[in-house]
């Protein structure tokens, strides 16, 4: 093969690979933005969800501390 043809094919393959990579990144970014927008919409619609989650986390932490310290007394 001629060197010019080899160079042209190498450039075309590199460009094709970069375009595919950029398309994959843009799809991931759009999906990530969609999830963030959906979460923001849910929290705007139901703001008390944050308080419920915080209360559940506090309750779980309290139970963990009580049970852990209770084991130490035995």
C-alpha atoms as a PDB file:
ATOM      1  CA  UNK A   1       0.000   0.000   0.000  1.00  0.00           C
ATOM      2  CA  UNK A   2       1.045   3.534  -0.468  1.00  0.00           C
ATOM      3  CA  UNK A   3       2.067   5.527   2.604  1.00  0.00           C
ATOM      4  CA  UNK A   4      -0.535   8.208   1.841  1.00  0.00           C
ATOM      5  CA  UNK A   5      -3.370   5.652   1.962  1.00  0.00           C
ATOM      6  CA  UNK A   6      -2.090   4.226   5.246  1.00  0.00           C
ATOM      7  CA  UNK A   7      -1.866   7.720   6.760  1.00  0.00           C
ATOM      8  CA  UNK A   8      -5.363   8.606   5.558  1.00  0.00           C
ATOM      9  CA  UNK A   9      -6.834   5.427   7.049  1.00  0.00           C
ATOM     10  CA  UNK A  10      -5.040   6.007  10.357  1.00  0.00           C
ATOM     11  CA  UNK A  11      -6.384   9.555  10.574  1.00  0.00           C
ATOM     12  CA  UNK A  12      -9.894   8.400   9.691  1.00  0.00           C
ATOM     13  CA  UNK A  13      -9.802   5.645  12.328  1.00  0.00           C
ATOM     14  CA  UNK A  14      -8.545   8.082  14.976  1.00  0.00           C
ATOM     15  CA  UNK A  15     -11.248  10.607  14.147  1.00  0.00           C
ATOM     16  CA  UNK A  16     -13.922   7.917  14.177  1.00  0.00           C
ATOM     17  CA  UNK A  17     -12.763   6.695  17.594  1.00  0.00           C
ATOM     18  CA  UNK A  18     -12.736  10.230  19.026  1.00  0.00           C
ATOM     19  CA  UNK A  19     -16.215  10.974  17.675  1.00  0.00           C
ATOM     20  CA  UNK A  20     -17.556   7.776  19.226  1.00  0.00           C
ATOM     21  CA  UNK A  21     -15.921   8.655  22.553  1.00  0.00           C
ATOM     22  CA  UNK A  22     -17.395  12.166  22.494  1.00  0.00           C
ATOM     23  CA  UNK A  23     -20.838  10.793  21.693  1.00  0.00           C
ATOM     24  CA  UNK A  24     -20.612   8.322  24.574  1.00  0.00           C
ATOM     25  CA  UNK A  25     -19.539  11.092  26.975  1.00  0.00           C
ATOM     26  CA  UNK A  26     -22.386  13.362  25.870  1.00  0.00           C
ATOM     27  CA  UNK A  27     -24.920  10.548  26.388  1.00  0.00           C
ATOM     28  CA  UNK A  28     -23.571   9.943  29.914  1.00  0.00           C
ATOM     29  CA  UNK A  29     -23.725  13.659  30.718  1.00  0.00           C
ATOM     30  CA  UNK A  30     -27.304  13.920  29.453  1.00  0.00           C
ATOM     31  CA  UNK A  31     -28.372  10.894  31.507  1.00  0.00           C
ATOM     32  CA  UNK A  32     -26.647  12.330  34.581  1.00  0.00           C
ATOM     33  CA  UNK A  33     -28.382  15.683  34.052  1.00  0.00           C
ATOM     34  CA  UNK A  34     -31.734  13.940  33.596  1.00  0.00           C
ATOM     35  CA  UNK A  35     -31.325  12.163  36.933  1.00  0.00           C
ATOM     36  CA  UNK A  36     -30.329  15.390  38.688  1.00  0.00           C
ATOM     37  CA  UNK A  37     -33.310  17.214  37.182  1.00  0.00           C
ATOM     38  CA  UNK A  38     -35.678  14.413  38.207  1.00  0.00           C
ATOM     39  CA  UNK A  39     -34.367  14.457  41.798  1.00  0.00           C
ATOM     40  CA  UNK A  40     -34.665  18.252  41.910  1.00  0.00           C
ATOM     41  CA  UNK A  41     -38.241  18.064  40.635  1.00  0.00           C
ATOM     42  CA  UNK A  42     -39.199  15.442  43.229  1.00  0.00           C
ATOM     43  CA  UNK A  43     -37.667  17.498  46.038  1.00  0.00           C
ATOM     44  CA  UNK A  44     -39.459  20.616  44.789  1.00  0.00           C
ATOM     45  CA  UNK A  45     -42.743  18.732  44.696  1.00  0.00           C
ATOM     46  CA  UNK A  46     -42.304  16.989  48.081  1.00  0.00           C
ATOM     47  CA  UNK A  47     -39.906  19.007  50.285  1.00  0.00           C
ATOM     48  CA  UNK A  48     -40.731  16.985  53.420  1.00  0.00           C
ATOM     49  CA  UNK A  49     -38.885  13.990  51.943  1.00  0.00           C
ATOM     50  CA  UNK A  50     -35.617  15.499  53.179  1.00  0.00           C
ATOM     51  CA  UNK A  51     -36.936  15.670  56.735  1.00  0.00           C
ATOM     52  CA  UNK A  52     -38.155  12.078  56.578  1.00  0.00           C
ATOM     53  CA  UNK A  53     -34.768  10.885  55.304  1.00  0.00           C
ATOM     54  CA  UNK A  54     -32.939  12.880  57.962  1.00  0.00           C
ATOM     55  CA  UNK A  55     -35.202  11.511  60.697  1.00  0.00           C
ATOM     56  CA  UNK A  56     -34.701   7.953  59.474  1.00  0.00           C
ATOM     57  CA  UNK A  57     -30.942   8.400  59.448  1.00  0.00           C
ATOM     58  CA  UNK A  58     -30.995   9.866  62.966  1.00  0.00           C
ATOM     59  CA  UNK A  59     -33.150   6.978  64.218  1.00  0.00           C
ATOM     60  CA  UNK A  60     -30.852   4.397  62.637  1.00  0.00           C
ATOM     61  CA  UNK A  61     -27.812   6.067  64.193  1.00  0.00           C
ATOM     62  CA  UNK A  62     -29.491   6.194  67.610  1.00  0.00           C
ATOM     63  CA  UNK A  63     -30.440   2.505  67.454  1.00  0.00           C
ATOM     64  CA  UNK A  64     -26.912   1.592  66.372  1.00  0.00           C
ATOM     65  CA  UNK A  65     -25.391   3.487  69.298  1.00  0.00           C
ATOM     66  CA  UNK A  66     -27.846   2.008  71.812  1.00  0.00           C
ATOM     67  CA  UNK A  67     -27.347  -1.552  70.598  1.00  0.00           C
ATOM     68  CA  UNK A  68     -23.569  -1.193  70.403  1.00  0.00           C
ATOM     69  CA  UNK A  69     -23.255   0.204  73.904  1.00  0.00           C
ATOM     70  CA  UNK A  70     -25.728  -2.390  75.192  1.00  0.00           C
ATOM     71  CA  UNK A  71     -23.458  -5.200  74.030  1.00  0.00           C
ATOM     72  CA  UNK A  72     -20.557  -3.758  75.999  1.00  0.00           C
ATOM     73  CA  UNK A  73     -22.380  -4.061  79.342  1.00  0.00           C
ATOM     74  CA  UNK A  74     -22.700  -7.844  79.156  1.00  0.00           C
END
